Each structure stands twice: as C-alpha cells, then as structure tokens.
Amino acid sequence: MDVRNELGTKERIIKVTMELIASEGFQNVTIRKIANQADVNLAAVNYHFGSKDAVINEALKTVMAQLINAFSQLKDAGTEPREKLRLFIIAYSNVLFKYPDIIKIIIDQIIHNYPNRVEPGYHKYLKEEGSQLLINTLSQIYPGEADTVLKMKTLQLLSCMAFPILMGDTIIEVIDLELEDLDTRQIYIDLLLDNV
C-alpha cells in the first residue's frame, strides 16, 4: 500500500472531523458521518484511529498545534512589538472562532486536568514558552512594568480571547454582540490592544 495514500486518508479523516465539529458541534459527530464526509469506509476510520475518541483527540491535537503556531507571530524580531501582539491576537482569535467546540473541550480538559484524555501539548507549551513570549512582548510595549503586572496582562489577554468562545451565543443574547462578524471582531482586537 502507498504510504502517501495512507497519510492522505488519515489527514482527510482528521480534517473532516474538525470540520464536522465546527459545523455540527462535538455531540453530533459520529464515525459514520466522518467516514461519509471523508469518502472512506468505516473500516478505514477504525484502522487509522480505532475509535471516535481517538479521531477527536487527533482533531484536538491539530487545533492545539494551530494555537501554538499563532505564537510564532511573537518571535518575529523584525516586527515592532505592538504589531507582533496584534498579529498574534488575530491569528489566535481566528483559530478560536473557527473551532469553538474544540476550544471548549481543550479548556475543559485543562481546567479539570483529565488524565489521558488528550495530549497536554498546549498546556505544556503555554507553561514552557507561550506565556513567556507574551510577557516578553508586553515588556517591550511597557518597558519598566513590573513582572507581576506583565503576567496579569498576559492572563487578561488570554482570558479576553477565550471568554467569548466559552460563552458562545450567550454573548449575543446578553449584550447583543456578534464576534463572528470580522469587523466587530477587529474592533474587539483593537480594544484588547489598547487596554492590555
């Protein structure tokens, strides 16, 4: 069997799983829907992953990798710190809003520290590198600011980006704000930049 074809099938199954979670919600994803949308038989899904949970864990890992990749915006030494932060917020927010159900699962697993549910890649990255990249960028924007304050600003920034995802449509019901709209989200991003 051609290895490229196997990799293509596996990647297609993961991509379809992510799309199904994004469009129909986590609870409505079934192995049968995944197989139909990926144009493979059920045996192929089971062969590559073994279970629905394993496919979903791979989708979670893929989204976590996209979140981690957003932090690369903060590593560009040739870009002014405020612009780096703006580009990070845009990239990070795009992932959050593209996969809100997956983000909710990731946050739930981090909060409740579920063992063996999903690889702790994102949590580990935040601890080992991501948070420090944000702190370093903020220290360039606010030179002389106390380390504790920079950590608080980092927490505020991450919280302000995640909270609308956790609240979902309740944001629309409670304060009539639609952050799915790109123009509205841009205003929100500008406010984050001005107030962090």
Protein backbone atom coordinates (compact mmCIF):
# COMPACT_ATOMS: atom_id res chain seq x y z
CA MET A 1 0.00 0.00 0.00
CA ASP A 2 1.24 3.50 -0.86
CA VAL A 3 2.28 5.33 2.35
CA ARG A 4 1.34 8.72 0.84
CA ASN A 5 -2.17 7.42 0.23
CA GLU A 6 -2.40 6.23 3.85
CA LEU A 7 -1.24 9.60 5.14
CA GLY A 8 -3.67 11.34 2.83
CA THR A 9 -6.57 9.27 4.14
CA LYS A 10 -5.62 9.84 7.77
CA GLU A 11 -5.20 13.58 7.27
CA ARG A 12 -8.51 13.75 5.38
CA ILE A 13 -10.29 11.99 8.25
CA ILE A 14 -8.84 14.46 10.78
CA LYS A 15 -9.75 17.45 8.60
CA VAL A 16 -13.31 16.21 8.13
CA THR A 17 -13.63 15.56 11.87
CA MET A 18 -12.55 19.14 12.62
CA GLU A 19 -15.00 20.49 10.04
CA LEU A 20 -17.86 18.40 11.42
CA ILE A 21 -17.16 19.54 14.97
CA ALA A 22 -17.04 23.16 13.75
CA SER A 23 -20.26 22.93 11.74
CA GLU A 24 -22.40 20.49 13.73
CA GLY A 25 -20.96 20.54 17.23
CA PHE A 26 -18.97 17.95 19.10
CA GLN A 27 -22.01 15.97 20.25
CA ASN A 28 -23.27 15.39 16.72
CA VAL A 29 -20.10 13.86 15.30
CA THR A 30 -20.30 10.14 14.56
CA ILE A 31 -17.86 7.73 12.96
CA ARG A 32 -20.40 7.19 10.18
CA LYS A 33 -20.58 10.94 9.42
CA ILE A 34 -16.80 11.18 9.47
CA ALA A 35 -16.47 8.25 7.07
CA ASN A 36 -19.15 9.61 4.71
CA GLN A 37 -17.68 13.13 4.62
CA ALA A 38 -14.11 11.83 4.22
CA ASP A 39 -15.28 9.48 1.46
CA VAL A 40 -13.85 6.42 3.20
CA ASN A 41 -15.46 3.35 4.70
CA LEU A 42 -15.94 2.83 8.42
CA ALA A 43 -13.15 0.26 8.45
CA ALA A 44 -10.66 2.93 7.29
CA VAL A 45 -11.57 5.21 10.20
CA ASN A 46 -11.25 2.32 12.64
CA TYR A 47 -8.00 1.17 11.03
CA HIS A 48 -6.34 4.58 11.37
CA PHE A 49 -7.80 5.59 14.74
CA GLY A 50 -9.60 2.72 16.43
CA SER A 51 -12.42 4.83 17.89
CA LYS A 52 -14.33 8.08 17.68
CA ASP A 53 -12.48 9.35 20.77
CA ALA A 54 -9.12 8.71 19.09
CA VAL A 55 -10.19 10.65 15.97
CA ILE A 56 -11.42 13.52 18.11
CA ASN A 57 -8.17 13.52 20.11
CA GLU A 58 -6.25 13.88 16.85
CA ALA A 59 -8.51 16.79 15.89
CA LEU A 60 -7.80 18.36 19.30
CA LYS A 61 -4.06 17.96 18.76
CA THR A 62 -4.34 19.59 15.34
CA VAL A 63 -6.18 22.61 16.75
CA MET A 64 -3.69 22.84 19.64
CA ALA A 65 -0.90 22.93 17.06
CA GLN A 66 -2.67 25.81 15.29
CA LEU A 67 -2.97 27.71 18.59
CA ILE A 68 0.73 27.13 19.27
CA ASN A 69 1.57 28.27 15.75
CA ALA A 70 -0.16 31.62 16.44
CA PHE A 71 2.59 32.34 18.98
CA SER A 72 5.15 32.35 16.15
CA GLN A 73 3.93 35.89 15.41
CA LEU A 74 5.62 36.94 18.66
CA LYS A 75 9.00 35.60 17.54
CA ASP A 76 9.48 37.94 14.58
CA ALA A 77 12.39 40.15 15.67
CA GLY A 78 11.89 42.45 12.67
CA THR A 79 8.37 43.48 13.66
CA GLU A 80 7.50 46.21 16.16
CA PRO A 81 6.22 44.69 19.47
CA ARG A 82 2.70 46.16 19.29
CA GLU A 83 2.29 44.90 15.73
CA LYS A 84 3.57 41.44 16.75
CA LEU A 85 0.97 41.37 19.50
CA ARG A 86 -1.77 42.47 17.09
CA LEU A 87 -0.81 39.74 14.59
CA PHE A 88 -0.75 37.16 17.39
CA ILE A 89 -4.21 38.18 18.61
CA ILE A 90 -5.61 37.94 15.08
CA ALA A 91 -4.04 34.52 14.39
CA TYR A 92 -5.03 33.14 17.79
CA SER A 93 -8.59 34.51 17.58
CA ASN A 94 -9.04 33.06 14.10
CA VAL A 95 -8.34 29.57 15.46
CA LEU A 96 -10.63 30.14 18.46
CA PHE A 97 -13.54 31.26 16.30
CA LYS A 98 -13.01 28.60 13.65
CA TYR A 99 -13.17 25.71 16.14
CA PRO A 100 -15.15 26.92 19.19
CA ASP A 101 -16.36 23.45 20.23
CA ILE A 102 -12.85 22.04 20.08
CA ILE A 103 -11.55 25.03 22.08
CA LYS A 104 -14.20 24.39 24.74
CA ILE A 105 -13.08 20.76 25.01
CA ILE A 106 -9.42 21.77 25.30
CA ILE A 107 -10.20 24.35 28.00
CA ASP A 108 -12.43 21.89 29.86
CA GLN A 109 -9.69 19.28 29.86
CA ILE A 110 -7.12 21.80 31.10
CA ILE A 111 -9.43 23.07 33.86
CA HIS A 112 -10.40 19.61 35.04
CA ASN A 113 -6.97 18.07 34.42
CA TYR A 114 -8.43 14.98 32.75
CA PRO A 115 -5.72 12.30 32.66
CA ASN A 116 -5.10 10.52 29.36
CA ARG A 117 -7.91 12.32 27.53
CA VAL A 118 -5.73 14.36 25.20
CA GLU A 119 -2.05 15.08 24.93
CA PRO A 120 -1.21 18.06 27.17
CA GLY A 121 0.65 19.81 24.35
CA TYR A 122 -0.99 23.21 24.52
CA HIS A 123 -0.89 23.46 28.31
CA LYS A 124 2.76 22.40 28.27
CA TYR A 125 3.57 24.92 25.53
CA LEU A 126 1.92 27.76 27.44
CA LYS A 127 3.88 26.85 30.54
CA GLU A 128 7.25 26.39 28.84
CA GLU A 129 7.23 29.05 26.12
CA GLY A 130 3.95 30.69 25.08
CA SER A 131 3.26 32.70 28.23
CA GLN A 132 6.84 33.94 28.32
CA LEU A 133 6.64 35.08 24.69
CA LEU A 134 3.59 37.16 25.60
CA ILE A 135 5.27 38.53 28.73
CA ASN A 136 8.40 39.44 26.75
CA THR A 137 6.37 41.19 24.04
CA LEU A 138 4.35 43.10 26.63
CA SER A 139 7.57 44.11 28.42
CA GLN A 140 8.76 45.67 25.16
CA ILE A 141 5.48 47.56 24.82
CA TYR A 142 5.50 48.59 28.50
CA PRO A 143 9.18 48.91 29.45
CA GLY A 144 9.79 49.07 33.17
CA GLU A 145 6.44 47.44 34.03
CA ALA A 146 6.62 45.05 36.99
CA ASP A 147 6.85 41.35 36.10
CA THR A 148 3.69 40.62 38.10
CA VAL A 149 1.75 43.22 36.13
CA LEU A 150 3.04 41.78 32.84
CA LYS A 151 1.86 38.33 33.95
CA MET A 152 -1.55 39.79 34.80
CA LYS A 153 -1.75 41.47 31.39
CA THR A 154 -0.90 38.11 29.80
CA LEU A 155 -3.68 36.45 31.79
CA GLN A 156 -6.12 39.21 30.83
CA LEU A 157 -5.26 38.90 27.16
CA LEU A 158 -5.67 35.12 27.03
CA SER A 159 -8.86 35.34 29.10
CA CYS A 160 -10.40 38.06 26.94
CA MET A 161 -9.82 35.96 23.84
CA ALA A 162 -11.18 32.71 25.33
CA PHE A 163 -14.19 34.09 27.23
CA PRO A 164 -16.36 34.84 24.15
CA ILE A 165 -15.75 31.27 22.94
CA LEU A 166 -16.78 29.81 26.29
CA MET A 167 -19.91 31.97 26.36
CA GLY A 168 -20.90 31.12 22.77
CA ASP A 169 -24.24 32.51 21.65
CA THR A 170 -24.92 33.79 25.17
CA ILE A 171 -22.76 36.81 24.25
CA ILE A 172 -25.29 37.66 21.54
CA GLU A 173 -28.26 37.10 23.86
CA VAL A 174 -26.84 39.04 26.83
CA ILE A 175 -25.12 42.02 25.21
CA ASP A 176 -26.13 41.76 21.54
CA LEU A 177 -22.55 41.43 20.30
CA GLU A 178 -21.63 39.21 17.35
CA LEU A 179 -17.90 38.49 17.41
CA GLU A 180 -18.23 36.10 14.49
CA ASP A 181 -18.54 39.24 12.36
CA LEU A 182 -14.99 40.11 11.24
CA ASP A 183 -15.49 43.88 11.51
CA THR A 184 -16.84 43.55 15.06
CA ARG A 185 -14.00 41.20 15.97
CA GLN A 186 -11.46 43.70 14.62
CA ILE A 187 -12.87 46.38 16.92
CA TYR A 188 -12.62 43.89 19.80
CA ILE A 189 -8.98 43.16 18.88
CA ASP A 190 -8.20 46.89 18.75
CA LEU A 191 -9.76 47.33 22.19
CA LEU A 192 -7.69 44.46 23.55
CA LEU A 193 -4.54 46.06 22.19
CA ASP A 194 -5.43 49.46 23.66
CA ASN A 195 -6.39 48.09 27.07
CA VAL A 196 -3.90 45.33 27.79
